Amino acid sequence: ADGARHPGIDAKAPFDLVIANILAGPLVSMAPELAAIADSRATIVLAGLLETQRETVVAAYEACGCTLDAIDRRGDWTVLHLTAGAERYVPPAPFDPKGRDGWALDL
């Protein structure tokens, strides 16, 4: 699938649970997409990031109305447990493929 923008994903959204286990760069780039498919107050679990990348990833999801509930550390790796906002996130503009530059990079 092309991130969270695949028609099959959009057709079944919103979801009560969204899980992503990928690098920090793609997690940041996909924050608006993942927040948009999450139902209000949905649980979002993010993994695949290092503790040193946590603040950057959390900030990207907070900008989409999510709140951090818990952090689970496994050595250098971090798992984030977030809750989507009280109202379903609606991106302010259509998704811009140029915003996916971080997909190819780890932060």
N, C-alpha and C. Protein backbone atom coordinates (compact mmCIF):
# COMPACT_ATOMS: atom_id res chain seq x y z
N ALA A 1 0.84 -1.18 0.00
CA ALA A 1 0.00 0.00 0.00
C ALA A 1 0.89 1.24 0.00
N ASP A 2 0.37 2.31 -0.55
CA ASP A 2 1.07 3.58 -0.60
C ASP A 2 0.82 4.30 0.72
N GLY A 3 1.53 3.86 1.76
CA GLY A 3 1.31 4.47 3.07
C GLY A 3 -0.11 4.20 3.52
N ALA A 4 -0.71 5.18 4.12
CA ALA A 4 -2.10 5.04 4.60
C ALA A 4 -3.09 5.59 3.58
N ARG A 5 -2.62 5.95 2.39
CA ARG A 5 -3.49 6.57 1.40
C ARG A 5 -4.06 5.58 0.39
N HIS A 6 -3.86 4.31 0.59
CA HIS A 6 -4.39 3.31 -0.33
C HIS A 6 -5.92 3.36 -0.27
N PRO A 7 -6.60 3.27 -1.41
CA PRO A 7 -8.07 3.33 -1.41
C PRO A 7 -8.72 2.30 -0.50
N GLY A 8 -8.13 1.12 -0.40
CA GLY A 8 -8.70 0.09 0.47
C GLY A 8 -8.64 0.47 1.95
N ILE A 9 -7.62 1.21 2.31
CA ILE A 9 -7.49 1.69 3.69
C ILE A 9 -8.49 2.82 3.93
N ASP A 10 -8.53 3.77 3.01
CA ASP A 10 -9.47 4.89 3.14
C ASP A 10 -10.92 4.41 3.23
N ALA A 11 -11.24 3.38 2.46
CA ALA A 11 -12.62 2.89 2.42
C ALA A 11 -13.07 2.31 3.76
N LYS A 12 -12.13 1.81 4.56
CA LYS A 12 -12.49 1.19 5.83
C LYS A 12 -12.21 2.09 7.04
N ALA A 13 -11.60 3.23 6.82
CA ALA A 13 -11.31 4.17 7.92
C ALA A 13 -12.61 4.79 8.40
N PRO A 14 -12.68 5.23 9.63
CA PRO A 14 -11.60 5.34 10.61
C PRO A 14 -11.43 4.05 11.41
N PHE A 15 -10.24 3.91 12.01
CA PHE A 15 -9.87 2.74 12.77
C PHE A 15 -9.73 3.07 14.25
N ASP A 16 -10.08 2.11 15.10
CA ASP A 16 -9.92 2.28 16.56
C ASP A 16 -8.48 2.05 17.00
N LEU A 17 -7.71 1.33 16.17
CA LEU A 17 -6.33 1.00 16.49
C LEU A 17 -5.49 1.15 15.24
N VAL A 18 -4.39 1.89 15.36
CA VAL A 18 -3.45 2.07 14.26
C VAL A 18 -2.07 1.70 14.81
N ILE A 19 -1.39 0.78 14.12
CA ILE A 19 -0.06 0.34 14.54
C ILE A 19 0.90 0.53 13.38
N ALA A 20 2.06 1.12 13.66
CA ALA A 20 3.10 1.29 12.64
C ALA A 20 4.45 0.95 13.27
N ASN A 21 5.17 0.04 12.64
CA ASN A 21 6.50 -0.36 13.10
C ASN A 21 7.47 -0.14 11.95
N ILE A 22 7.90 1.11 11.80
CA ILE A 22 8.81 1.50 10.73
C ILE A 22 9.81 2.50 11.30
N LEU A 23 10.73 2.98 10.51
CA LEU A 23 11.74 3.92 10.98
C LEU A 23 11.13 5.27 11.35
N ALA A 24 11.88 6.05 12.11
CA ALA A 24 11.40 7.35 12.58
C ALA A 24 11.08 8.31 11.43
N GLY A 25 11.90 8.32 10.40
CA GLY A 25 11.65 9.22 9.26
C GLY A 25 10.28 9.01 8.65
N PRO A 26 9.94 7.77 8.27
CA PRO A 26 8.60 7.52 7.75
C PRO A 26 7.50 7.78 8.78
N LEU A 27 7.74 7.48 10.06
CA LEU A 27 6.72 7.76 11.08
C LEU A 27 6.39 9.25 11.13
N VAL A 28 7.40 10.09 11.02
CA VAL A 28 7.18 11.54 11.04
C VAL A 28 6.46 11.97 9.76
N SER A 29 6.94 11.50 8.62
CA SER A 29 6.33 11.88 7.34
C SER A 29 4.87 11.44 7.24
N MET A 30 4.55 10.30 7.85
CA MET A 30 3.20 9.75 7.76
C MET A 30 2.28 10.21 8.88
N ALA A 31 2.74 11.05 9.78
CA ALA A 31 1.90 11.47 10.92
C ALA A 31 0.53 11.98 10.47
N PRO A 32 0.43 12.89 9.52
CA PRO A 32 -0.90 13.36 9.12
C PRO A 32 -1.76 12.24 8.52
N GLU A 33 -1.14 11.34 7.75
CA GLU A 33 -1.89 10.24 7.14
C GLU A 33 -2.42 9.27 8.20
N LEU A 34 -1.56 8.90 9.15
CA LEU A 34 -1.99 7.95 10.18
C LEU A 34 -3.02 8.58 11.11
N ALA A 35 -2.82 9.84 11.45
CA ALA A 35 -3.80 10.52 12.31
C ALA A 35 -5.14 10.64 11.60
N ALA A 36 -5.13 10.83 10.29
CA ALA A 36 -6.37 10.99 9.53
C ALA A 36 -7.19 9.70 9.42
N ILE A 37 -6.54 8.54 9.51
CA ILE A 37 -7.30 7.29 9.42
C ILE A 37 -7.71 6.78 10.80
N ALA A 38 -7.22 7.42 11.85
CA ALA A 38 -7.57 7.02 13.22
C ALA A 38 -8.89 7.67 13.62
N ASP A 39 -9.75 6.91 14.27
CA ASP A 39 -11.00 7.45 14.78
C ASP A 39 -10.69 8.37 15.96
N SER A 40 -11.65 9.17 16.37
CA SER A 40 -11.43 10.00 17.55
C SER A 40 -11.14 9.10 18.74
N ARG A 41 -10.17 9.49 19.52
CA ARG A 41 -9.71 8.75 20.71
C ARG A 41 -9.20 7.34 20.40
N ALA A 42 -8.81 7.09 19.16
CA ALA A 42 -8.23 5.80 18.79
C ALA A 42 -6.87 5.63 19.45
N THR A 43 -6.46 4.38 19.60
CA THR A 43 -5.13 4.07 20.10
C THR A 43 -4.18 4.00 18.91
N ILE A 44 -3.04 4.67 19.05
CA ILE A 44 -2.01 4.64 18.01
C ILE A 44 -0.73 4.13 18.68
N VAL A 45 -0.16 3.06 18.11
CA VAL A 45 1.07 2.47 18.64
C VAL A 45 2.14 2.61 17.57
N LEU A 46 3.25 3.26 17.93
CA LEU A 46 4.34 3.49 16.99
C LEU A 46 5.61 2.83 17.50
N ALA A 47 6.27 2.07 16.65
CA ALA A 47 7.51 1.40 17.02
C ALA A 47 8.50 1.51 15.86
N GLY A 48 9.73 1.11 16.12
CA GLY A 48 10.77 1.17 15.10
C GLY A 48 11.65 2.39 15.23
N LEU A 49 11.52 3.11 16.33
CA LEU A 49 12.31 4.31 16.53
C LEU A 49 13.23 4.15 17.73
N LEU A 50 14.30 4.88 17.70
CA LEU A 50 15.24 4.90 18.80
C LEU A 50 14.81 5.94 19.84
N GLU A 51 15.24 5.76 21.06
CA GLU A 51 14.91 6.71 22.14
C GLU A 51 15.35 8.12 21.77
N THR A 52 16.48 8.26 21.09
CA THR A 52 16.98 9.58 20.69
C THR A 52 16.07 10.26 19.66
N GLN A 53 15.18 9.51 19.02
CA GLN A 53 14.27 10.05 18.01
C GLN A 53 12.87 10.31 18.56
N ARG A 54 12.64 9.92 19.80
CA ARG A 54 11.30 9.98 20.39
C ARG A 54 10.68 11.36 20.32
N GLU A 55 11.38 12.39 20.75
CA GLU A 55 10.79 13.74 20.81
C GLU A 55 10.33 14.22 19.44
N THR A 56 11.10 13.93 18.40
CA THR A 56 10.73 14.36 17.05
C THR A 56 9.46 13.66 16.59
N VAL A 57 9.36 12.36 16.85
CA VAL A 57 8.18 11.59 16.44
C VAL A 57 6.96 12.05 17.23
N VAL A 58 7.10 12.20 18.53
CA VAL A 58 5.98 12.65 19.36
C VAL A 58 5.48 14.01 18.89
N ALA A 59 6.39 14.93 18.60
CA ALA A 59 6.00 16.27 18.16
C ALA A 59 5.18 16.21 16.87
N ALA A 60 5.54 15.33 15.95
CA ALA A 60 4.80 15.21 14.69
C ALA A 60 3.36 14.76 14.93
N TYR A 61 3.15 13.85 15.88
CA TYR A 61 1.81 13.36 16.16
C TYR A 61 1.02 14.33 17.04
N GLU A 62 1.70 15.01 17.93
CA GLU A 62 1.01 16.05 18.72
C GLU A 62 0.49 17.16 17.81
N ALA A 63 1.23 17.47 16.74
CA ALA A 63 0.79 18.48 15.79
C ALA A 63 -0.50 18.07 15.07
N CYS A 64 -0.81 16.77 15.12
CA CYS A 64 -2.03 16.24 14.50
C CYS A 64 -3.10 15.95 15.55
N GLY A 65 -2.92 16.47 16.75
CA GLY A 65 -3.94 16.34 17.79
C GLY A 65 -3.81 15.13 18.68
N CYS A 66 -2.78 14.33 18.51
CA CYS A 66 -2.59 13.13 19.34
C CYS A 66 -1.91 13.49 20.66
N THR A 67 -2.12 12.65 21.67
CA THR A 67 -1.45 12.84 22.95
C THR A 67 -0.69 11.57 23.29
N LEU A 68 0.46 11.75 23.90
CA LEU A 68 1.30 10.63 24.32
C LEU A 68 0.79 10.09 25.64
N ASP A 69 0.52 8.78 25.68
CA ASP A 69 0.03 8.13 26.88
C ASP A 69 1.12 7.37 27.62
N ALA A 70 1.98 6.70 26.88
CA ALA A 70 3.00 5.87 27.53
C ALA A 70 4.17 5.65 26.58
N ILE A 71 5.30 5.36 27.19
CA ILE A 71 6.53 5.04 26.46
C ILE A 71 7.03 3.71 26.99
N ASP A 72 7.34 2.81 26.08
CA ASP A 72 7.89 1.51 26.46
C ASP A 72 9.27 1.40 25.81
N ARG A 73 10.32 1.34 26.63
CA ARG A 73 11.68 1.26 26.11
C ARG A 73 12.17 -0.18 26.19
N ARG A 74 12.81 -0.60 25.12
CA ARG A 74 13.45 -1.91 25.04
C ARG A 74 14.88 -1.67 24.57
N GLY A 75 15.79 -1.50 25.52
CA GLY A 75 17.16 -1.14 25.15
C GLY A 75 17.15 0.25 24.53
N ASP A 76 17.70 0.38 23.33
CA ASP A 76 17.72 1.67 22.64
C ASP A 76 16.42 1.96 21.90
N TRP A 77 15.55 0.94 21.76
CA TRP A 77 14.31 1.08 21.00
C TRP A 77 13.18 1.59 21.87
N THR A 78 12.27 2.31 21.25
CA THR A 78 11.14 2.92 21.96
C THR A 78 9.83 2.58 21.25
N VAL A 79 8.82 2.28 22.04
CA VAL A 79 7.46 2.09 21.53
C VAL A 79 6.61 3.20 22.15
N LEU A 80 5.87 3.92 21.32
CA LEU A 80 5.02 5.00 21.79
C LEU A 80 3.56 4.58 21.75
N HIS A 81 2.85 4.87 22.82
CA HIS A 81 1.41 4.63 22.89
C HIS A 81 0.74 6.00 22.93
N LEU A 82 -0.03 6.30 21.90
CA LEU A 82 -0.69 7.60 21.81
C LEU A 82 -2.20 7.42 21.69
N THR A 83 -2.92 8.50 21.94
CA THR A 83 -4.36 8.54 21.72
C THR A 83 -4.65 9.66 20.74
N ALA A 84 -5.46 9.34 19.73
CA ALA A 84 -5.88 10.36 18.77
C ALA A 84 -6.74 11.39 19.48
N GLY A 85 -6.89 12.55 18.88
CA GLY A 85 -7.66 13.63 19.47
C GLY A 85 -9.13 13.29 19.65
N ALA A 86 -9.82 14.13 20.42
CA ALA A 86 -11.25 13.93 20.70
C ALA A 86 -12.07 14.03 19.42
N GLU A 87 -11.58 14.79 18.46
CA GLU A 87 -12.23 14.87 17.16
C GLU A 87 -11.29 14.30 16.12
N ARG A 88 -11.84 13.61 15.16
CA ARG A 88 -11.01 12.99 14.12
C ARG A 88 -10.20 14.05 13.39
N TYR A 89 -8.92 13.76 13.19
CA TYR A 89 -8.01 14.70 12.54
C TYR A 89 -8.35 14.83 11.06
N VAL A 90 -8.46 16.07 10.61
CA VAL A 90 -8.67 16.36 9.20
C VAL A 90 -7.50 17.23 8.75
N PRO A 91 -6.68 16.74 7.83
CA PRO A 91 -5.52 17.53 7.38
C PRO A 91 -5.98 18.87 6.81
N PRO A 92 -5.21 19.93 7.05
CA PRO A 92 -5.60 21.26 6.57
C PRO A 92 -5.54 21.40 5.05
N ALA A 93 -4.83 20.50 4.38
CA ALA A 93 -4.69 20.54 2.92
C ALA A 93 -4.54 19.10 2.42
N PRO A 94 -4.74 18.91 1.13
CA PRO A 94 -4.53 17.55 0.59
C PRO A 94 -3.09 17.10 0.85
N PHE A 95 -2.89 15.79 0.94
CA PHE A 95 -1.54 15.27 1.17
C PHE A 95 -0.62 15.64 0.02
N ASP A 96 0.57 16.08 0.36
CA ASP A 96 1.56 16.47 -0.62
C ASP A 96 2.64 15.40 -0.67
N PRO A 97 2.83 14.74 -1.83
CA PRO A 97 3.85 13.69 -1.91
C PRO A 97 5.25 14.20 -1.55
N LYS A 98 5.50 15.49 -1.70
CA LYS A 98 6.82 16.03 -1.34
C LYS A 98 7.06 15.92 0.17
N GLY A 99 6.00 15.82 0.96
CA GLY A 99 6.14 15.68 2.40
C GLY A 99 6.64 14.30 2.80
N ARG A 100 6.78 13.44 1.83
CA ARG A 100 7.26 12.09 2.10
C ARG A 100 8.77 11.96 1.95
N ASP A 101 9.46 13.06 1.87
CA ASP A 101 10.91 13.01 1.74
C ASP A 101 11.55 12.20 2.86
N GLY A 102 10.97 12.26 4.05
CA GLY A 102 11.51 11.54 5.19
C GLY A 102 11.38 10.03 5.10
N TRP A 103 10.59 9.55 4.16
CA TRP A 103 10.41 8.10 4.02
C TRP A 103 11.72 7.41 3.73
N ALA A 104 12.58 8.08 3.01
CA ALA A 104 13.85 7.45 2.60
C ALA A 104 14.94 7.63 3.65
N LEU A 105 14.65 8.35 4.70
CA LEU A 105 15.67 8.69 5.68
C LEU A 105 15.27 8.24 7.06
N ASP A 106 16.25 7.97 7.86
CA ASP A 106 15.99 7.78 9.29
C ASP A 106 16.51 9.05 9.96
N LEU A 107 15.83 9.50 10.99
CA LEU A 107 16.20 10.75 11.64
C LEU A 107 17.34 10.58 12.60
